[in-house]
Amino acid sequence: MEEWFDMRVDPAQVAKERAKARELRRTNWWRAQIQKGVCHYCGGTFPPSELTMDHIVPLSRGGHSTKGNIVPCCKACNNSKKYTMPVDEILSDLDIDEPGDTEDAGVEIDLPDELMRELVGDPDAADDAATDGTPDGSATDA
């Protein structure tokens, strides 16, 4: 997946949010989170000392240091996640290379036959038209 994002987040805002994160690390709430010993992303169990604080929506992408945006995760997951967001993971799982390219996306839509005929036409009628020898399927007498 092509990596892109808008980095026009105010550096002063990022510094302010990092200070908030440092304050949250000292709270009983954060201690309780890491005492569980579970990585938010991989679900693995780790000693509390091996868990890091991760912003689900990264500060560099406009995230905030709030309890709803901070989770404990292992160092490997934090390093691999970097500045991505959950939506980035979903899009990469769809395996869409270019906007509008759904051919290899692994997405299959199952519609009722009547609706499919209405949307794309009747494939059987197209086959019949092709066998008549005329583009519109009407037979002509010579």
N, C-alpha and C. Protein backbone atom coordinates (compact mmCIF):
# COMPACT_ATOMS: atom_id res chain seq x y z
N MET A 1 0.84 -1.17 0.00
CA MET A 1 0.00 0.00 0.00
C MET A 1 0.89 1.24 0.00
N GLU A 2 0.53 2.19 -0.82
CA GLU A 2 1.29 3.43 -0.87
C GLU A 2 1.11 4.18 0.44
N GLU A 3 2.22 4.62 1.01
CA GLU A 3 2.15 5.32 2.28
C GLU A 3 2.03 6.81 2.02
N TRP A 4 0.92 7.38 2.49
CA TRP A 4 0.72 8.81 2.36
C TRP A 4 -0.12 9.28 3.52
N PHE A 5 0.11 10.46 3.93
CA PHE A 5 -0.72 11.10 4.93
C PHE A 5 -0.34 12.56 5.01
N ASP A 6 -1.21 13.33 5.56
CA ASP A 6 -1.01 14.76 5.66
C ASP A 6 -0.26 15.05 6.95
N MET A 7 0.93 15.57 6.85
CA MET A 7 1.76 15.84 8.02
C MET A 7 1.63 17.28 8.52
N ARG A 8 0.55 17.97 8.13
CA ARG A 8 0.41 19.36 8.54
C ARG A 8 -0.23 19.49 9.93
N VAL A 9 0.17 18.66 10.85
CA VAL A 9 -0.27 18.78 12.23
C VAL A 9 0.66 19.76 12.93
N ASP A 10 0.09 20.65 13.68
CA ASP A 10 0.87 21.68 14.36
C ASP A 10 1.84 21.03 15.35
N PRO A 11 3.13 21.27 15.21
CA PRO A 11 4.11 20.68 16.14
C PRO A 11 3.85 21.05 17.60
N ALA A 12 3.32 22.23 17.84
CA ALA A 12 3.00 22.62 19.21
C ALA A 12 1.89 21.75 19.78
N GLN A 13 0.93 21.40 18.93
CA GLN A 13 -0.17 20.52 19.36
C GLN A 13 0.36 19.12 19.67
N VAL A 14 1.26 18.62 18.85
CA VAL A 14 1.86 17.30 19.08
C VAL A 14 2.63 17.31 20.40
N ALA A 15 3.39 18.36 20.65
CA ALA A 15 4.15 18.46 21.91
C ALA A 15 3.20 18.49 23.11
N LYS A 16 2.10 19.20 22.98
CA LYS A 16 1.10 19.26 24.05
C LYS A 16 0.50 17.88 24.32
N GLU A 17 0.19 17.15 23.26
CA GLU A 17 -0.39 15.80 23.40
C GLU A 17 0.62 14.82 23.98
N ARG A 18 1.88 14.96 23.62
CA ARG A 18 2.92 14.09 24.20
C ARG A 18 3.05 14.34 25.70
N ALA A 19 2.93 15.59 26.11
CA ALA A 19 2.99 15.91 27.54
C ALA A 19 1.80 15.28 28.26
N LYS A 20 0.64 15.30 27.64
CA LYS A 20 -0.54 14.65 28.22
C LYS A 20 -0.31 13.14 28.36
N ALA A 21 0.32 12.54 27.34
CA ALA A 21 0.60 11.10 27.38
C ALA A 21 1.54 10.77 28.53
N ARG A 22 2.54 11.61 28.74
CA ARG A 22 3.47 11.37 29.87
C ARG A 22 2.71 11.43 31.20
N GLU A 23 1.77 12.34 31.30
CA GLU A 23 0.95 12.43 32.51
C GLU A 23 0.09 11.18 32.68
N LEU A 24 -0.49 10.69 31.58
CA LEU A 24 -1.33 9.49 31.65
C LEU A 24 -0.53 8.27 32.08
N ARG A 25 0.75 8.21 31.71
CA ARG A 25 1.60 7.07 32.10
C ARG A 25 1.71 6.95 33.62
N ARG A 26 1.54 8.05 34.31
CA ARG A 26 1.68 8.05 35.77
C ARG A 26 0.38 7.74 36.50
N THR A 27 -0.69 7.51 35.78
CA THR A 27 -2.00 7.31 36.42
C THR A 27 -2.23 5.84 36.76
N ASN A 28 -3.13 5.63 37.70
CA ASN A 28 -3.54 4.27 38.05
C ASN A 28 -4.24 3.60 36.87
N TRP A 29 -4.93 4.40 36.07
CA TRP A 29 -5.61 3.84 34.90
C TRP A 29 -4.60 3.15 33.98
N TRP A 30 -3.48 3.83 33.67
CA TRP A 30 -2.49 3.23 32.78
C TRP A 30 -1.82 2.03 33.43
N ARG A 31 -1.53 2.13 34.72
CA ARG A 31 -0.92 0.98 35.41
C ARG A 31 -1.83 -0.24 35.34
N ALA A 32 -3.14 -0.02 35.48
CA ALA A 32 -4.09 -1.13 35.38
C ALA A 32 -4.11 -1.71 33.97
N GLN A 33 -3.96 -0.85 32.96
CA GLN A 33 -3.95 -1.32 31.58
C GLN A 33 -2.75 -2.23 31.31
N ILE A 34 -1.58 -1.82 31.74
CA ILE A 34 -0.39 -2.64 31.45
C ILE A 34 -0.29 -3.84 32.37
N GLN A 35 -0.91 -3.79 33.55
CA GLN A 35 -0.88 -4.95 34.45
C GLN A 35 -1.62 -6.13 33.84
N LYS A 36 -2.57 -5.87 32.97
CA LYS A 36 -3.26 -6.96 32.27
C LYS A 36 -2.29 -7.75 31.40
N GLY A 37 -1.24 -7.07 30.92
CA GLY A 37 -0.18 -7.74 30.16
C GLY A 37 -0.57 -8.17 28.77
N VAL A 38 -1.60 -7.56 28.18
CA VAL A 38 -2.08 -7.98 26.87
C VAL A 38 -1.88 -6.87 25.85
N CYS A 39 -1.27 -7.24 24.72
CA CYS A 39 -1.09 -6.30 23.61
C CYS A 39 -2.42 -6.09 22.92
N HIS A 40 -2.78 -4.86 22.71
CA HIS A 40 -4.05 -4.52 22.07
C HIS A 40 -4.13 -5.08 20.65
N TYR A 41 -3.03 -5.15 19.93
CA TYR A 41 -3.04 -5.52 18.52
C TYR A 41 -2.89 -7.01 18.28
N CYS A 42 -1.89 -7.64 18.87
CA CYS A 42 -1.67 -9.07 18.59
C CYS A 42 -2.31 -9.98 19.62
N GLY A 43 -2.69 -9.42 20.77
CA GLY A 43 -3.32 -10.23 21.81
C GLY A 43 -2.33 -11.04 22.63
N GLY A 44 -1.04 -10.89 22.35
CA GLY A 44 -0.02 -11.63 23.09
C GLY A 44 0.10 -11.13 24.53
N THR A 45 0.61 -12.00 25.40
CA THR A 45 0.80 -11.60 26.79
C THR A 45 2.27 -11.29 27.03
N PHE A 46 2.49 -10.20 27.77
CA PHE A 46 3.83 -9.69 28.01
C PHE A 46 3.93 -9.18 29.43
N PRO A 47 5.14 -9.15 29.99
CA PRO A 47 5.30 -8.48 31.28
C PRO A 47 4.99 -6.99 31.09
N PRO A 48 4.42 -6.34 32.11
CA PRO A 48 4.08 -4.92 31.98
C PRO A 48 5.24 -4.05 31.49
N SER A 49 6.45 -4.40 31.87
CA SER A 49 7.61 -3.59 31.47
C SER A 49 7.87 -3.66 29.96
N GLU A 50 7.31 -4.65 29.28
CA GLU A 50 7.53 -4.81 27.85
C GLU A 50 6.41 -4.20 27.01
N LEU A 51 5.41 -3.63 27.66
CA LEU A 51 4.31 -3.01 26.92
C LEU A 51 4.56 -1.51 26.78
N THR A 52 4.22 -0.98 25.62
CA THR A 52 4.38 0.44 25.36
C THR A 52 3.01 1.10 25.20
N MET A 53 3.01 2.41 25.29
CA MET A 53 1.79 3.18 25.10
C MET A 53 1.67 3.51 23.62
N ASP A 54 0.53 3.18 23.02
CA ASP A 54 0.32 3.48 21.61
C ASP A 54 -0.94 4.31 21.43
N HIS A 55 -0.85 5.31 20.58
CA HIS A 55 -2.02 6.10 20.20
C HIS A 55 -2.66 5.41 18.98
N ILE A 56 -3.90 5.00 19.09
CA ILE A 56 -4.58 4.34 17.97
C ILE A 56 -4.57 5.28 16.76
N VAL A 57 -5.02 6.51 16.95
CA VAL A 57 -4.85 7.55 15.93
C VAL A 57 -3.59 8.31 16.34
N PRO A 58 -2.52 8.14 15.58
CA PRO A 58 -1.23 8.74 15.97
C PRO A 58 -1.30 10.26 16.11
N LEU A 59 -0.46 10.77 16.99
CA LEU A 59 -0.39 12.22 17.17
C LEU A 59 -0.03 12.91 15.86
N SER A 60 0.82 12.28 15.07
CA SER A 60 1.24 12.87 13.80
C SER A 60 0.11 12.95 12.78
N ARG A 61 -1.00 12.27 13.08
CA ARG A 61 -2.15 12.31 12.19
C ARG A 61 -3.35 12.96 12.87
N GLY A 62 -3.08 13.74 13.91
CA GLY A 62 -4.13 14.50 14.55
C GLY A 62 -4.76 13.83 15.76
N GLY A 63 -4.19 12.73 16.23
CA GLY A 63 -4.73 12.02 17.39
C GLY A 63 -4.49 12.79 18.68
N HIS A 64 -5.18 12.37 19.71
CA HIS A 64 -5.07 13.02 21.01
C HIS A 64 -4.67 12.01 22.08
N SER A 65 -4.13 12.51 23.16
CA SER A 65 -3.74 11.65 24.29
C SER A 65 -4.91 11.56 25.26
N THR A 66 -5.86 10.71 24.90
CA THR A 66 -7.03 10.46 25.74
C THR A 66 -7.12 8.97 26.00
N LYS A 67 -7.83 8.60 27.05
CA LYS A 67 -7.96 7.18 27.39
C LYS A 67 -8.58 6.37 26.25
N GLY A 68 -9.44 6.98 25.48
CA GLY A 68 -10.07 6.27 24.37
C GLY A 68 -9.17 6.08 23.17
N ASN A 69 -8.04 6.79 23.13
CA ASN A 69 -7.13 6.70 21.99
C ASN A 69 -5.80 6.06 22.34
N ILE A 70 -5.64 5.64 23.59
CA ILE A 70 -4.36 5.06 24.02
C ILE A 70 -4.57 3.62 24.46
N VAL A 71 -3.70 2.75 23.96
CA VAL A 71 -3.78 1.33 24.30
C VAL A 71 -2.37 0.80 24.59
N PRO A 72 -2.28 -0.26 25.40
CA PRO A 72 -0.98 -0.91 25.59
C PRO A 72 -0.69 -1.85 24.41
N CYS A 73 0.55 -1.86 23.97
CA CYS A 73 0.90 -2.82 22.93
C CYS A 73 2.37 -3.21 23.07
N CYS A 74 2.68 -4.35 22.49
CA CYS A 74 4.06 -4.82 22.55
C CYS A 74 4.92 -3.96 21.63
N LYS A 75 6.21 -4.00 21.85
CA LYS A 75 7.12 -3.16 21.08
C LYS A 75 7.11 -3.53 19.60
N ALA A 76 6.98 -4.82 19.29
CA ALA A 76 6.95 -5.24 17.89
C ALA A 76 5.74 -4.66 17.16
N CYS A 77 4.58 -4.70 17.79
CA CYS A 77 3.38 -4.14 17.16
C CYS A 77 3.48 -2.63 17.04
N ASN A 78 4.01 -1.98 18.06
CA ASN A 78 4.14 -0.53 18.02
C ASN A 78 5.10 -0.11 16.91
N ASN A 79 6.19 -0.84 16.75
CA ASN A 79 7.15 -0.52 15.70
C ASN A 79 6.57 -0.78 14.31
N SER A 80 5.78 -1.82 14.15
CA SER A 80 5.23 -2.11 12.83
C SER A 80 4.06 -1.19 12.50
N LYS A 81 3.34 -0.74 13.51
CA LYS A 81 2.20 0.15 13.27
C LYS A 81 2.65 1.54 12.87
N LYS A 82 3.67 2.05 13.50
CA LYS A 82 4.20 3.40 13.27
C LYS A 82 3.09 4.43 13.29
N TYR A 83 2.87 5.11 12.18
CA TYR A 83 1.90 6.19 12.12
C TYR A 83 0.61 5.80 11.40
N THR A 84 0.36 4.51 11.26
CA THR A 84 -0.85 4.08 10.56
C THR A 84 -2.05 4.09 11.51
N MET A 85 -3.22 4.06 10.91
CA MET A 85 -4.48 4.04 11.65
C MET A 85 -5.22 2.76 11.32
N PRO A 86 -6.23 2.40 12.10
CA PRO A 86 -6.98 1.17 11.80
C PRO A 86 -7.53 1.13 10.38
N VAL A 87 -7.97 2.24 9.86
CA VAL A 87 -8.51 2.25 8.50
C VAL A 87 -7.44 1.88 7.48
N ASP A 88 -6.19 2.24 7.73
CA ASP A 88 -5.10 1.87 6.83
C ASP A 88 -4.95 0.35 6.77
N GLU A 89 -5.08 -0.29 7.90
CA GLU A 89 -4.98 -1.75 7.96
C GLU A 89 -6.12 -2.40 7.20
N ILE A 90 -7.31 -1.87 7.36
CA ILE A 90 -8.48 -2.41 6.66
C ILE A 90 -8.29 -2.29 5.15
N LEU A 91 -7.84 -1.13 4.71
CA LEU A 91 -7.64 -0.93 3.28
C LEU A 91 -6.55 -1.83 2.73
N SER A 92 -5.48 -2.03 3.49
CA SER A 92 -4.41 -2.91 3.00
C SER A 92 -4.88 -4.36 2.97
N ASP A 93 -5.78 -4.74 3.89
CA ASP A 93 -6.33 -6.09 3.86
C ASP A 93 -7.19 -6.32 2.63
N LEU A 94 -7.83 -5.27 2.14
CA LEU A 94 -8.64 -5.40 0.93
C LEU A 94 -7.77 -5.59 -0.30
N ASP A 95 -6.48 -5.20 -0.19
CA ASP A 95 -5.52 -5.39 -1.28
C ASP A 95 -5.94 -4.65 -2.54
N ILE A 96 -6.37 -3.41 -2.38
CA ILE A 96 -6.71 -2.58 -3.52
C ILE A 96 -5.50 -1.71 -3.84
N ASP A 97 -4.98 -1.86 -5.06
CA ASP A 97 -3.79 -1.12 -5.46
C ASP A 97 -4.10 0.32 -5.81
N GLU A 98 -5.13 0.55 -6.58
CA GLU A 98 -5.47 1.89 -7.05
C GLU A 98 -6.93 2.17 -6.72
N PRO A 99 -7.27 3.44 -6.53
CA PRO A 99 -8.69 3.77 -6.31
C PRO A 99 -9.52 3.27 -7.49
N GLY A 100 -10.61 2.63 -7.19
CA GLY A 100 -11.48 2.10 -8.24
C GLY A 100 -11.10 0.70 -8.70
N ASP A 101 -9.95 0.20 -8.28
CA ASP A 101 -9.49 -1.13 -8.69
C ASP A 101 -10.00 -2.16 -7.69
N THR A 102 -11.09 -2.81 -8.05
CA THR A 102 -11.65 -3.82 -7.15
C THR A 102 -11.51 -5.22 -7.72
N GLU A 103 -10.82 -5.33 -8.86
CA GLU A 103 -10.71 -6.62 -9.52
C GLU A 103 -10.07 -7.68 -8.63
N ASP A 104 -8.99 -7.32 -7.94
CA ASP A 104 -8.30 -8.27 -7.08
C ASP A 104 -8.54 -7.97 -5.60
N ALA A 105 -9.60 -7.28 -5.29
CA ALA A 105 -9.83 -6.85 -3.91
C ALA A 105 -10.34 -7.96 -3.02
N GLY A 106 -10.73 -9.09 -3.61
CA GLY A 106 -11.25 -10.17 -2.79
C GLY A 106 -12.65 -9.86 -2.28
N VAL A 107 -13.32 -8.92 -2.91
CA VAL A 107 -14.66 -8.55 -2.51
C VAL A 107 -15.63 -9.12 -3.52
N GLU A 108 -16.56 -9.92 -3.06
CA GLU A 108 -17.54 -10.51 -3.94
C GLU A 108 -18.92 -10.10 -3.46
N ILE A 109 -19.71 -9.62 -4.39
CA ILE A 109 -21.06 -9.18 -4.04
C ILE A 109 -22.03 -10.18 -4.60
N ASP A 110 -22.86 -10.72 -3.75
CA ASP A 110 -23.85 -11.70 -4.16
C ASP A 110 -25.21 -11.03 -4.22
N LEU A 111 -25.72 -10.84 -5.45
CA LEU A 111 -27.01 -10.19 -5.65
C LEU A 111 -28.00 -11.19 -6.21
N PRO A 112 -29.29 -10.98 -5.96
CA PRO A 112 -30.30 -11.85 -6.58
C PRO A 112 -30.21 -11.76 -8.11
N ASP A 113 -30.54 -12.86 -8.80
CA ASP A 113 -30.43 -12.92 -10.25
C ASP A 113 -31.21 -11.81 -10.94
N GLU A 114 -32.42 -11.52 -10.43
CA GLU A 114 -33.24 -10.48 -11.06
C GLU A 114 -32.53 -9.12 -11.02
N LEU A 115 -31.92 -8.80 -9.89
CA LEU A 115 -31.22 -7.54 -9.74
C LEU A 115 -29.98 -7.49 -10.62
N MET A 116 -29.25 -8.60 -10.71
CA MET A 116 -28.08 -8.65 -11.56
C MET A 116 -28.47 -8.42 -13.02
N ARG A 117 -29.58 -9.05 -13.48
CA ARG A 117 -30.02 -8.85 -14.86
C ARG A 117 -30.38 -7.38 -15.10
N GLU A 118 -30.99 -6.76 -14.08
CA GLU A 118 -31.37 -5.36 -14.21
C GLU A 118 -30.13 -4.46 -14.29
N LEU A 119 -29.10 -4.79 -13.51
CA LEU A 119 -27.90 -3.95 -13.47
C LEU A 119 -26.98 -4.16 -14.66
N VAL A 120 -26.77 -5.40 -15.05
CA VAL A 120 -25.79 -5.68 -16.11
C VAL A 120 -26.41 -6.29 -17.35
N GLY A 121 -27.68 -6.47 -17.36
CA GLY A 121 -28.34 -7.07 -18.51
C GLY A 121 -28.41 -8.58 -18.36
N ASP A 122 -29.13 -9.19 -19.26
CA ASP A 122 -29.31 -10.64 -19.22
C ASP A 122 -28.23 -11.28 -20.07
N PRO A 123 -27.26 -11.99 -19.45
CA PRO A 123 -26.17 -12.59 -20.23
C PRO A 123 -26.69 -13.63 -21.22
N ASP A 124 -27.79 -14.33 -20.90
CA ASP A 124 -28.34 -15.32 -21.82
C ASP A 124 -28.88 -14.64 -23.07
N ALA A 125 -29.50 -13.46 -22.90
CA ALA A 125 -30.03 -12.72 -24.04
C ALA A 125 -28.89 -12.27 -24.93
N ALA A 126 -27.77 -11.88 -24.35
CA ALA A 126 -26.61 -11.45 -25.14
C ALA A 126 -26.06 -12.62 -25.94
N ASP A 127 -26.06 -13.82 -25.35
CA ASP A 127 -25.58 -15.01 -26.06
C ASP A 127 -26.50 -15.32 -27.23
N ASP A 128 -27.82 -15.20 -27.03
CA ASP A 128 -28.78 -15.47 -28.10
C ASP A 128 -28.60 -14.48 -29.24
N ALA A 129 -28.36 -13.18 -28.91
CA ALA A 129 -28.19 -12.16 -29.93
C ALA A 129 -26.94 -12.45 -30.76
N ALA A 130 -25.92 -12.91 -30.13
CA ALA A 130 -24.67 -13.19 -30.84
C ALA A 130 -24.83 -14.34 -31.81
N THR A 131 -25.70 -15.29 -31.52
CA THR A 131 -25.85 -16.46 -32.39
C THR A 131 -26.73 -16.16 -33.58
N ASP A 132 -27.53 -15.06 -33.56
CA ASP A 132 -28.39 -14.72 -34.68
C ASP A 132 -27.61 -14.10 -35.82
N GLY A 133 -26.39 -13.62 -35.54
CA GLY A 133 -25.58 -13.03 -36.58
C GLY A 133 -25.82 -11.54 -36.75
N THR A 134 -26.72 -10.95 -35.99
CA THR A 134 -26.95 -9.51 -36.07
C THR A 134 -26.63 -8.90 -34.73
N PRO A 135 -26.20 -7.64 -34.71
CA PRO A 135 -25.78 -7.04 -33.46
C PRO A 135 -26.90 -6.95 -32.43
N ASP A 136 -28.14 -6.71 -32.88
CA ASP A 136 -29.22 -6.55 -31.91
C ASP A 136 -30.03 -7.82 -31.73
N GLY A 137 -29.66 -8.87 -32.42
CA GLY A 137 -30.34 -10.14 -32.24
C GLY A 137 -31.57 -10.29 -33.13
N SER A 138 -31.90 -9.28 -33.93
CA SER A 138 -33.08 -9.40 -34.80
C SER A 138 -32.67 -10.12 -36.07
N ALA A 139 -33.47 -11.06 -36.45
CA ALA A 139 -33.18 -11.82 -37.66
C ALA A 139 -33.65 -11.04 -38.87
N THR A 140 -32.88 -11.11 -39.95
CA THR A 140 -33.28 -10.43 -41.18
C THR A 140 -33.46 -11.48 -42.27
N ASP A 141 -34.46 -11.27 -43.09
CA ASP A 141 -34.68 -12.19 -44.21
C ASP A 141 -33.92 -11.65 -45.42
N ALA A 142 -33.16 -12.51 -46.07
CA ALA A 142 -32.39 -12.06 -47.23
C ALA A 142 -33.12 -12.29 -48.50
